[in-house]
PDB file of N, CA and C in Angstrom:
ATOM      1  N   MET A   1     -22.526  -0.199 -45.864  1.00  0.00           N
ATOM      2  CA  MET A   1     -23.316  -0.103 -44.243  1.00  0.00           C
ATOM      3  C   MET A   1     -24.300   1.003 -45.036  1.00  0.00           C
ATOM      4  N   VAL A   2     -25.155   0.892 -44.518  1.00  0.00           N
ATOM      5  CA  VAL A   2     -26.550   1.821 -44.679  1.00  0.00           C
ATOM      6  C   VAL A   2     -27.150   1.953 -43.522  1.00  0.00           C
ATOM      7  N   SER A   3     -27.332   3.267 -43.478  1.00  0.00           N
ATOM      8  CA  SER A   3     -27.998   4.068 -42.265  1.00  0.00           C
ATOM      9  C   SER A   3     -29.461   4.549 -42.937  1.00  0.00           C
ATOM     10  N   ARG A   4     -30.101   5.182 -42.521  1.00  0.00           N
ATOM     11  CA  ARG A   4     -31.835   5.750 -42.420  1.00  0.00           C
ATOM     12  C   ARG A   4     -31.622   6.885 -41.811  1.00  0.00           C
ATOM     13  N   VAL A   5     -32.166   8.116 -42.424  1.00  0.00           N
ATOM     14  CA  VAL A   5     -32.366   9.108 -41.470  1.00  0.00           C
ATOM     15  C   VAL A   5     -33.677   9.789 -41.425  1.00  0.00           C
ATOM     16  N   PHE A   6     -34.432   9.971 -40.266  1.00  0.00           N
ATOM     17  CA  PHE A   6     -36.009  10.417 -40.626  1.00  0.00           C
ATOM     18  C   PHE A   6     -35.639  11.923 -40.440  1.00  0.00           C
ATOM     19  N   PHE A   7     -36.466  12.827 -40.794  1.00  0.00           N
ATOM     20  CA  PHE A   7     -36.919  14.151 -40.774  1.00  0.00           C
ATOM     21  C   PHE A   7     -37.917  14.608 -41.476  1.00  0.00           C
ATOM     22  N   SER A   8     -38.286  16.027 -40.902  1.00  0.00           N
ATOM     23  CA  SER A   8     -39.526  16.449 -41.365  1.00  0.00           C
ATOM     24  C   SER A   8     -38.932  17.637 -42.355  1.00  0.00           C
ATOM     25  N   LEU A   9     -39.683  17.907 -43.265  1.00  0.00           N
ATOM     26  CA  LEU A   9     -39.450  19.140 -44.280  1.00  0.00           C
ATOM     27  C   LEU A   9     -40.538  20.256 -43.993  1.00  0.00           C
ATOM     28  N   GLU A  10     -39.933  21.279 -44.008  1.00  0.00           N
ATOM     29  CA  GLU A  10     -40.403  22.798 -44.045  1.00  0.00           C
ATOM     30  C   GLU A  10     -40.186  23.441 -45.376  1.00  0.00           C
ATOM     31  N   LYS A  11     -41.058  24.335 -45.910  1.00  0.00           N
ATOM     32  CA  LYS A  11     -40.891  25.435 -46.979  1.00  0.00           C
ATOM     33  C   LYS A  11     -41.479  26.698 -46.801  1.00  0.00           C
ATOM     34  N   ASP A  12     -40.703  27.746 -46.977  1.00  0.00           N
ATOM     35  CA  ASP A  12     -41.371  28.791 -46.518  1.00  0.00           C
ATOM     36  C   ASP A  12     -42.849  28.358 -45.041  1.00  0.00           C
ATOM     37  N   GLY A  13     -41.848  28.191 -43.966  1.00  0.00           N
ATOM     38  CA  GLY A  13     -42.953  28.305 -42.760  1.00  0.00           C
ATOM     39  C   GLY A  13     -43.929  27.035 -42.831  1.00  0.00           C
ATOM     40  N   LYS A  14     -44.333  26.682 -43.703  1.00  0.00           N
ATOM     41  CA  LYS A  14     -45.418  24.991 -43.989  1.00  0.00           C
ATOM     42  C   LYS A  14     -44.512  23.927 -44.254  1.00  0.00           C
ATOM     43  N   GLY A  15     -45.270  23.265 -43.137  1.00  0.00           N
ATOM     44  CA  GLY A  15     -44.740  21.721 -42.964  1.00  0.00           C
ATOM     45  C   GLY A  15     -45.324  21.143 -44.393  1.00  0.00           C
ATOM     46  N   LEU A  16     -44.098  20.159 -44.535  1.00  0.00           N
ATOM     47  CA  LEU A  16     -44.412  19.554 -46.362  1.00  0.00           C
ATOM     48  C   LEU A  16     -44.561  17.721 -45.282  1.00  0.00           C
ATOM     49  N   GLY A  17     -44.407  17.514 -44.381  1.00  0.00           N
ATOM     50  CA  GLY A  17     -44.555  16.050 -43.825  1.00  0.00           C
ATOM     51  C   GLY A  17     -43.089  15.734 -43.686  1.00  0.00           C
ATOM     52  N   ASP A  18     -43.237  14.155 -43.107  1.00  0.00           N
ATOM     53  CA  ASP A  18     -42.094  13.335 -42.595  1.00  0.00           C
ATOM     54  C   ASP A  18     -41.702  12.526 -43.670  1.00  0.00           C
ATOM     55  N   PHE A  19     -40.102  12.648 -43.771  1.00  0.00           N
ATOM     56  CA  PHE A  19     -39.668  11.639 -44.649  1.00  0.00           C
ATOM     57  C   PHE A  19     -38.347  11.274 -44.381  1.00  0.00           C
ATOM     58  N   SER A  20     -37.851  10.396 -45.417  1.00  0.00           N
ATOM     59  CA  SER A  20     -36.582   9.708 -45.166  1.00  0.00           C
ATOM     60  C   SER A  20     -35.503   9.543 -46.165  1.00  0.00           C
ATOM     61  N   ALA A  21     -34.237   9.059 -45.807  1.00  0.00           N
ATOM     62  CA  ALA A  21     -33.439   9.143 -46.745  1.00  0.00           C
ATOM     63  C   ALA A  21     -32.597   7.855 -46.642  1.00  0.00           C
ATOM     64  N   ASP A  22     -31.504   7.123 -47.360  1.00  0.00           N
ATOM     65  CA  ASP A  22     -30.849   6.401 -47.258  1.00  0.00           C
ATOM     66  C   ASP A  22     -29.483   6.830 -47.265  1.00  0.00           C
ATOM     67  N   LEU A  23     -28.440   6.814 -46.148  1.00  0.00           N
ATOM     68  CA  LEU A  23     -27.069   7.113 -46.551  1.00  0.00           C
ATOM     69  C   LEU A  23     -26.165   5.906 -46.158  1.00  0.00           C
ATOM     70  N   LYS A  24     -25.426   5.773 -47.304  1.00  0.00           N
ATOM     71  CA  LYS A  24     -24.547   4.548 -47.657  1.00  0.00           C
ATOM     72  C   LYS A  24     -23.126   4.913 -47.565  1.00  0.00           C
ATOM     73  N   GLN A  25     -22.366   3.605 -46.903  1.00  0.00           N
ATOM     74  CA  GLN A  25     -21.025   4.406 -47.065  1.00  0.00           C
ATOM     75  C   GLN A  25     -20.130   2.891 -46.968  1.00  0.00           C
ATOM     76  N   ALA A  26     -19.277   2.739 -47.647  1.00  0.00           N
ATOM     77  CA  ALA A  26     -18.744   1.505 -47.902  1.00  0.00           C
ATOM     78  C   ALA A  26     -17.737   0.917 -46.515  1.00  0.00           C
ATOM     79  N   VAL A  27     -18.450  -0.713 -46.344  1.00  0.00           N
ATOM     80  CA  VAL A  27     -18.116  -1.368 -44.651  1.00  0.00           C
ATOM     81  C   VAL A  27     -16.715  -1.194 -44.972  1.00  0.00           C
ATOM     82  N   GLY A  28     -15.934  -0.998 -43.689  1.00  0.00           N
ATOM     83  CA  GLY A  28     -14.569  -1.022 -43.028  1.00  0.00           C
ATOM     84  C   GLY A  28     -14.258   0.353 -43.450  1.00  0.00           C
ATOM     85  N   SER A  29     -15.214   1.573 -44.151  1.00  0.00           N
ATOM     86  CA  SER A  29     -14.084   2.877 -44.299  1.00  0.00           C
ATOM     87  C   SER A  29     -14.336   3.735 -43.004  1.00  0.00           C
ATOM     88  N   ASP A  30     -13.491   4.759 -43.387  1.00  0.00           N
ATOM     89  CA  ASP A  30     -13.091   5.765 -42.456  1.00  0.00           C
ATOM     90  C   ASP A  30     -14.549   6.430 -42.068  1.00  0.00           C
ATOM     91  N   VAL A  31     -15.070   6.823 -41.711  1.00  0.00           N
ATOM     92  CA  VAL A  31     -16.329   7.326 -40.919  1.00  0.00           C
ATOM     93  C   VAL A  31     -16.216   8.905 -41.491  1.00  0.00           C
ATOM     94  N   GLU A  32     -14.890   9.490 -40.847  1.00  0.00           N
ATOM     95  CA  GLU A  32     -14.555  10.977 -41.269  1.00  0.00           C
ATOM     96  C   GLU A  32     -14.013  11.112 -42.357  1.00  0.00           C
ATOM     97  N   ARG A  33     -13.662  10.371 -43.046  1.00  0.00           N
ATOM     98  CA  ARG A  33     -13.091  10.838 -44.305  1.00  0.00           C
ATOM     99  C   ARG A  33     -13.776  10.186 -45.729  1.00  0.00           C
ATOM    100  N   SER A  34     -14.285   8.896 -45.492  1.00  0.00           N
ATOM    101  CA  SER A  34     -14.788   8.532 -46.837  1.00  0.00           C
ATOM    102  C   SER A  34     -15.861   9.058 -47.291  1.00  0.00           C
ATOM    103  N   ASP A  35     -16.174   8.361 -48.398  1.00  0.00           N
ATOM    104  CA  ASP A  35     -17.410   9.157 -49.188  1.00  0.00           C
ATOM    105  C   ASP A  35     -18.763   8.431 -48.774  1.00  0.00           C
ATOM    106  N   ILE A  36     -19.646   9.379 -48.295  1.00  0.00           N
ATOM    107  CA  ILE A  36     -21.203   8.882 -48.064  1.00  0.00           C
ATOM    108  C   ILE A  36     -22.177   9.266 -49.261  1.00  0.00           C
ATOM    109  N   GLU A  37     -22.968   8.407 -49.579  1.00  0.00           N
ATOM    110  CA  GLU A  37     -23.702   8.534 -50.550  1.00  0.00           C
ATOM    111  C   GLU A  37     -25.474   8.582 -49.632  1.00  0.00           C
ATOM    112  N   VAL A  38     -25.698   9.800 -49.820  1.00  0.00           N
ATOM    113  CA  VAL A  38     -26.928  10.428 -49.918  1.00  0.00           C
ATOM    114  C   VAL A  38     -27.908  10.035 -50.916  1.00  0.00           C
ATOM    115  N   GLY A  39     -29.122   9.025 -50.231  1.00  0.00           N
ATOM    116  CA  GLY A  39     -29.729   8.705 -51.398  1.00  0.00           C
ATOM    117  C   GLY A  39     -30.981   9.916 -51.701  1.00  0.00           C
ATOM    118  N   PRO A  40     -31.537   9.507 -52.661  1.00  0.00           N
ATOM    119  CA  PRO A  40     -32.937  10.717 -52.281  1.00  0.00           C
ATOM    120  C   PRO A  40     -33.956  10.389 -51.384  1.00  0.00           C
ATOM    121  N   VAL A  41     -34.527  11.842 -51.180  1.00  0.00           N
ATOM    122  CA  VAL A  41     -35.489  11.717 -49.899  1.00  0.00           C
ATOM    123  C   VAL A  41     -36.986  10.655 -50.362  1.00  0.00           C
ATOM    124  N   ARG A  42     -37.367   9.821 -49.751  1.00  0.00           N
ATOM    125  CA  ARG A  42     -38.213   8.969 -49.836  1.00  0.00           C
ATOM    126  C   ARG A  42     -39.269   9.445 -49.779  1.00  0.00           C
ATOM    127  N   GLY A  43     -40.639   9.487 -50.633  1.00  0.00           N
ATOM    128  CA  GLY A  43     -41.879  10.161 -50.200  1.00  0.00           C
ATOM    129  C   GLY A  43     -42.229  11.780 -51.114  1.00  0.00           C
ATOM    130  N   TYR A  44     -40.731  12.332 -51.304  1.00  0.00           N
ATOM    131  CA  TYR A  44     -41.326  13.658 -51.475  1.00  0.00           C
ATOM    132  C   TYR A  44     -40.896  13.901 -52.985  1.00  0.00           C
ATOM    133  N   ASP A  45     -41.735  14.675 -53.765  1.00  0.00           N
ATOM    134  CA  ASP A  45     -41.622  14.539 -55.450  1.00  0.00           C
ATOM    135  C   ASP A  45     -41.098  15.830 -55.716  1.00  0.00           C
ATOM    136  N   GLY A  46     -41.426  16.816 -54.361  1.00  0.00           N
ATOM    137  CA  GLY A  46     -41.438  18.590 -55.270  1.00  0.00           C
ATOM    138  C   GLY A  46     -40.063  18.849 -55.715  1.00  0.00           C
ATOM    139  N   PRO A  47     -39.640  20.229 -55.920  1.00  0.00           N
ATOM    140  CA  PRO A  47     -38.410  20.706 -55.903  1.00  0.00           C
ATOM    141  C   PRO A  47     -37.669  20.527 -54.759  1.00  0.00           C
ATOM    142  N   PHE A  48     -36.527  20.212 -55.258  1.00  0.00           N
ATOM    143  CA  PHE A  48     -35.597  19.907 -53.935  1.00  0.00           C
ATOM    144  C   PHE A  48     -34.361  20.055 -54.434  1.00  0.00           C
ATOM    145  N   ASN A  49     -33.331  20.758 -52.989  1.00  0.00           N
ATOM    146  CA  ASN A  49     -31.557  20.899 -53.719  1.00  0.00           C
ATOM    147  C   ASN A  49     -31.091  19.889 -52.721  1.00  0.00           C
ATOM    148  N   GLN A  50     -31.042  18.899 -53.297  1.00  0.00           N
ATOM    149  CA  GLN A  50     -30.218  17.403 -53.315  1.00  0.00           C
ATOM    150  C   GLN A  50     -29.160  17.967 -52.667  1.00  0.00           C
ATOM    151  N   GLU A  51     -27.859  18.842 -53.255  1.00  0.00           N
ATOM    152  CA  GLU A  51     -26.655  18.954 -52.989  1.00  0.00           C
ATOM    153  C   GLU A  51     -27.025  19.286 -51.694  1.00  0.00           C
ATOM    154  N   GLY A  52     -27.382  20.326 -51.110  1.00  0.00           N
ATOM    155  CA  GLY A  52     -27.797  20.978 -49.659  1.00  0.00           C
ATOM    156  C   GLY A  52     -28.053  19.811 -49.036  1.00  0.00           C
ATOM    157  N   PHE A  53     -29.160  19.174 -49.119  1.00  0.00           N
ATOM    158  CA  PHE A  53     -29.606  18.071 -48.360  1.00  0.00           C
ATOM    159  C   PHE A  53     -28.438  17.130 -47.708  1.00  0.00           C
ATOM    160  N   SER A  54     -27.649  16.778 -49.244  1.00  0.00           N
ATOM    161  CA  SER A  54     -26.446  15.640 -49.054  1.00  0.00           C
ATOM    162  C   SER A  54     -25.718  16.380 -47.673  1.00  0.00           C
ATOM    163  N   ILE A  55     -24.909  17.757 -47.819  1.00  0.00           N
ATOM    164  CA  ILE A  55     -24.045  18.188 -47.199  1.00  0.00           C
ATOM    165  C   ILE A  55     -24.854  18.404 -45.602  1.00  0.00           C
ATOM    166  N   ALA A  56     -25.988  18.661 -45.596  1.00  0.00           N
ATOM    167  CA  ALA A  56     -26.498  18.661 -44.091  1.00  0.00           C
ATOM    168  C   ALA A  56     -26.449  17.340 -43.497  1.00  0.00           C
ATOM    169  N   ALA A  57     -26.990  15.921 -44.661  1.00  0.00           N
ATOM    170  CA  ALA A  57     -27.217  14.796 -44.077  1.00  0.00           C
ATOM    171  C   ALA A  57     -26.142  13.949 -43.492  1.00  0.00           C
ATOM    172  N   LYS A  58     -24.628  14.385 -44.534  1.00  0.00           N
ATOM    173  CA  LYS A  58     -23.849  14.030 -44.181  1.00  0.00           C
ATOM    174  C   LYS A  58     -22.732  14.517 -42.561  1.00  0.00           C
ATOM    175  N   LYS A  59     -23.168  15.603 -42.425  1.00  0.00           N
ATOM    176  CA  LYS A  59     -23.198  16.284 -41.008  1.00  0.00           C
ATOM    177  C   LYS A  59     -23.694  15.694 -40.015  1.00  0.00           C
ATOM    178  N   TYR A  60     -25.103  15.890 -39.793  1.00  0.00           N
ATOM    179  CA  TYR A  60     -25.591  14.995 -39.273  1.00  0.00           C
ATOM    180  C   TYR A  60     -25.373  13.751 -38.577  1.00  0.00           C
ATOM    181  N   PHE A  61     -25.093  13.034 -39.723  1.00  0.00           N
ATOM    182  CA  PHE A  61     -24.223  11.252 -39.577  1.00  0.00           C
ATOM    183  C   PHE A  61     -23.235  11.467 -38.637  1.00  0.00           C
ATOM    184  N   ARG A  62     -22.200  11.921 -39.366  1.00  0.00           N
ATOM    185  CA  ARG A  62     -20.683  12.007 -38.710  1.00  0.00           C
ATOM    186  C   ARG A  62     -20.858  12.591 -37.200  1.00  0.00           C
ATOM    187  N   ASP A  63     -21.789  13.872 -37.183  1.00  0.00           N
ATOM    188  CA  ASP A  63     -21.871  14.533 -35.549  1.00  0.00           C
ATOM    189  C   ASP A  63     -22.348  13.027 -35.027  1.00  0.00           C
ATOM    190  N   LEU A  64     -23.542  11.987 -35.280  1.00  0.00           N
ATOM    191  CA  LEU A  64     -23.607  11.186 -34.594  1.00  0.00           C
ATOM    192  C   LEU A  64     -22.632   9.947 -34.528  1.00  0.00           C
ATOM    193  N   ILE A  65     -21.937   9.795 -35.858  1.00  0.00           N
ATOM    194  CA  ILE A  65     -21.085   8.322 -35.699  1.00  0.00           C
ATOM    195  C   ILE A  65     -19.717   8.904 -36.401  1.00  0.00           C
ATOM    196  N   GLY A  66     -19.018   8.638 -35.111  1.00  0.00           N
ATOM    197  CA  GLY A  66     -17.856   9.490 -35.959  1.00  0.00           C
ATOM    198  C   GLY A  66     -16.588   9.481 -34.352  1.00  0.00           C
ATOM    199  N   SER A  67     -15.586  10.637 -34.906  1.00  0.00           N
ATOM    200  CA  SER A  67     -14.712  10.870 -33.735  1.00  0.00           C
ATOM    201  C   SER A  67     -15.303  10.842 -32.641  1.00  0.00           C
ATOM    202  N   LYS A  68     -15.836  12.267 -33.255  1.00  0.00           N
ATOM    203  CA  LYS A  68     -16.869  12.723 -32.122  1.00  0.00           C
ATOM    204  C   LYS A  68     -18.069  12.709 -31.899  1.00  0.00           C
ATOM    205  N   GLY A  69     -18.222  11.911 -32.406  1.00  0.00           N
ATOM    206  CA  GLY A  69     -19.789  11.064 -32.268  1.00  0.00           C
ATOM    207  C   GLY A  69     -20.637  11.141 -31.142  1.00  0.00           C
ATOM    208  N   ALA A  70     -22.105  11.696 -31.073  1.00  0.00           N
ATOM    209  CA  ALA A  70     -22.552  11.524 -29.617  1.00  0.00           C
ATOM    210  C   ALA A  70     -23.300  10.586 -29.715  1.00  0.00           C
ATOM    211  N   GLY A  71     -23.303   9.585 -30.441  1.00  0.00           N
ATOM    212  CA  GLY A  71     -23.965   8.375 -30.602  1.00  0.00           C
ATOM    213  C   GLY A  71     -23.043   6.847 -30.364  1.00  0.00           C
ATOM    214  N   ILE A  72     -22.060   6.916 -30.968  1.00  0.00           N
ATOM    215  CA  ILE A  72     -20.790   5.857 -31.446  1.00  0.00           C
ATOM    216  C   ILE A  72     -19.714   6.488 -31.781  1.00  0.00           C
ATOM    217  N   ARG A  73     -18.782   6.690 -30.843  1.00  0.00           N
ATOM    218  CA  ARG A  73     -17.463   7.318 -31.347  1.00  0.00           C
ATOM    219  C   ARG A  73     -17.003   6.409 -31.724  1.00  0.00           C
ATOM    220  N   ALA A  74     -16.161   6.258 -33.198  1.00  0.00           N
ATOM    221  CA  ALA A  74     -15.718   5.485 -33.836  1.00  0.00           C
ATOM    222  C   ALA A  74     -13.982   5.899 -34.457  1.00  0.00           C
ATOM    223  N   MET A  75     -13.287   5.701 -33.870  1.00  0.00           N
ATOM    224  CA  MET A  75     -11.935   6.224 -33.964  1.00  0.00           C
ATOM    225  C   MET A  75     -11.141   5.700 -35.050  1.00  0.00           C
ATOM    226  N   ALA A  76     -11.114   6.079 -35.766  1.00  0.00           N
ATOM    227  CA  ALA A  76     -10.024   5.290 -37.267  1.00  0.00           C
ATOM    228  C   ALA A  76     -11.082   3.970 -37.393  1.00  0.00           C
ATOM    229  N   PRO A  77     -10.617   3.485 -38.502  1.00  0.00           N
ATOM    230  CA  PRO A  77     -11.160   2.388 -39.125  1.00  0.00           C
ATOM    231  C   PRO A  77     -11.062   1.382 -37.894  1.00  0.00           C
ATOM    232  N   ARG A  78     -12.297   0.740 -38.001  1.00  0.00           N
ATOM    233  CA  ARG A  78     -12.090  -0.572 -36.666  1.00  0.00           C
ATOM    234  C   ARG A  78     -13.181  -0.881 -37.174  1.00  0.00           C
ATOM    235  N   HIS A  79     -13.272  -2.484 -37.002  1.00  0.00           N
ATOM    236  CA  HIS A  79     -14.277  -3.600 -37.425  1.00  0.00           C
ATOM    237  C   HIS A  79     -15.396  -3.422 -36.178  1.00  0.00           C
ATOM    238  N   ILE A  80     -16.219  -2.857 -36.462  1.00  0.00           N
ATOM    239  CA  ILE A  80     -17.499  -3.010 -35.455  1.00  0.00           C
ATOM    240  C   ILE A  80     -18.596  -3.301 -36.150  1.00  0.00           C
ATOM    241  N   LEU A  81     -19.357  -4.127 -35.718  1.00  0.00           N
ATOM    242  CA  LEU A  81     -20.577  -4.111 -36.021  1.00  0.00           C
ATOM    243  C   LEU A  81     -21.613  -3.929 -35.041  1.00  0.00           C
ATOM    244  N   VAL A  82     -23.115  -3.469 -36.082  1.00  0.00           N
ATOM    245  CA  VAL A  82     -23.928  -2.724 -34.877  1.00  0.00           C
ATOM    246  C   VAL A  82     -25.177  -2.578 -35.692  1.00  0.00           C
ATOM    247  N   ARG A  83     -26.354  -3.572 -35.171  1.00  0.00           N
ATOM    248  CA  ARG A  83     -27.267  -4.135 -36.169  1.00  0.00           C
ATOM    249  C   ARG A  83     -28.430  -2.960 -35.211  1.00  0.00           C
ATOM    250  N   ASP A  84     -29.174  -2.826 -35.910  1.00  0.00           N
ATOM    251  CA  ASP A  84     -30.853  -2.420 -35.274  1.00  0.00           C
ATOM    252  C   ASP A  84     -30.854  -0.821 -34.188  1.00  0.00           C
ATOM    253  N   ASN A  85     -29.614  -0.221 -34.177  1.00  0.00           N
ATOM    254  CA  ASN A  85     -29.709   0.626 -33.451  1.00  0.00           C
ATOM    255  C   ASN A  85     -30.491   2.352 -33.857  1.00  0.00           C
ATOM    256  N   PHE A  86     -31.049   2.890 -33.246  1.00  0.00           N
ATOM    257  CA  PHE A  86     -31.445   4.052 -33.048  1.00  0.00           C
ATOM    258  C   PHE A  86     -30.717   5.091 -32.544  1.00  0.00           C
ATOM    259  N   PHE A  87     -30.225   6.231 -33.038  1.00  0.00           N
ATOM    260  CA  PHE A  87     -29.809   7.472 -32.507  1.00  0.00           C
ATOM    261  C   PHE A  87     -30.539   8.409 -32.829  1.00  0.00           C
ATOM    262  N   SER A  88     -30.661   9.396 -32.201  1.00  0.00           N
ATOM    263  CA  SER A  88     -31.510  10.621 -32.591  1.00  0.00           C
ATOM    264  C   SER A  88     -30.883  12.029 -31.740  1.00  0.00           C
ATOM    265  N   LYS A  89     -31.099  12.831 -32.818  1.00  0.00           N
ATOM    266  CA  LYS A  89     -30.341  14.080 -32.218  1.00  0.00           C
ATOM    267  C   LYS A  89     -31.120  15.118 -33.042  1.00  0.00           C
ATOM    268  N   ASP A  90     -31.978  16.187 -32.294  1.00  0.00           N
ATOM    269  CA  ASP A  90     -32.270  17.398 -32.571  1.00  0.00           C
ATOM    270  C   ASP A  90     -31.371  18.015 -33.294  1.00  0.00           C
ATOM    271  N   SER A  91     -31.668  18.544 -34.532  1.00  0.00           N
ATOM    272  CA  SER A  91     -30.719  19.211 -35.439  1.00  0.00           C
ATOM    273  C   SER A  91     -32.048  19.961 -36.331  1.00  0.00           C
ATOM    274  N   GLU A  92     -31.300  21.367 -36.734  1.00  0.00           N
ATOM    275  CA  GLU A  92     -32.105  21.918 -37.731  1.00  0.00           C
ATOM    276  C   GLU A  92     -31.280  22.357 -39.116  1.00  0.00           C
ATOM    277  N   PHE A  93     -31.336  22.283 -39.748  1.00  0.00           N
ATOM    278  CA  PHE A  93     -30.601  22.800 -41.147  1.00  0.00           C
ATOM    279  C   PHE A  93     -31.657  23.579 -42.401  1.00  0.00           C
ATOM    280  N   SER A  94     -30.835  24.701 -42.677  1.00  0.00           N
ATOM    281  CA  SER A  94     -31.336  25.528 -44.056  1.00  0.00           C
ATOM    282  C   SER A  94     -30.461  24.785 -45.203  1.00  0.00           C
ATOM    283  N   PHE A  95     -31.216  24.854 -46.509  1.00  0.00           N
ATOM    284  CA  PHE A  95     -30.503  25.110 -47.443  1.00  0.00           C
ATOM    285  C   PHE A  95     -31.467  25.102 -48.921  1.00  0.00           C
TER     286      PHE A  95
END
């Protein structure tokens, strides 16, 4: 399964622009426990803490899609097919 997160980056109080990154998870895997691969930020080539971003992106995703999700509450492994959905949640992370 591939999901895409859209976000703005800010460094030292200065906006750097709007970007995106892909999140990949094996189809049929447990949203809460299985690995989520966080891809590189698209369109940004400056210095970047990928590990910190990866932790924040996974938390954001699981807060939307998962057992406590605000978008879809997926409990245990289920066979659910969702296409072309858009979920939005204001969040702020520092890393």
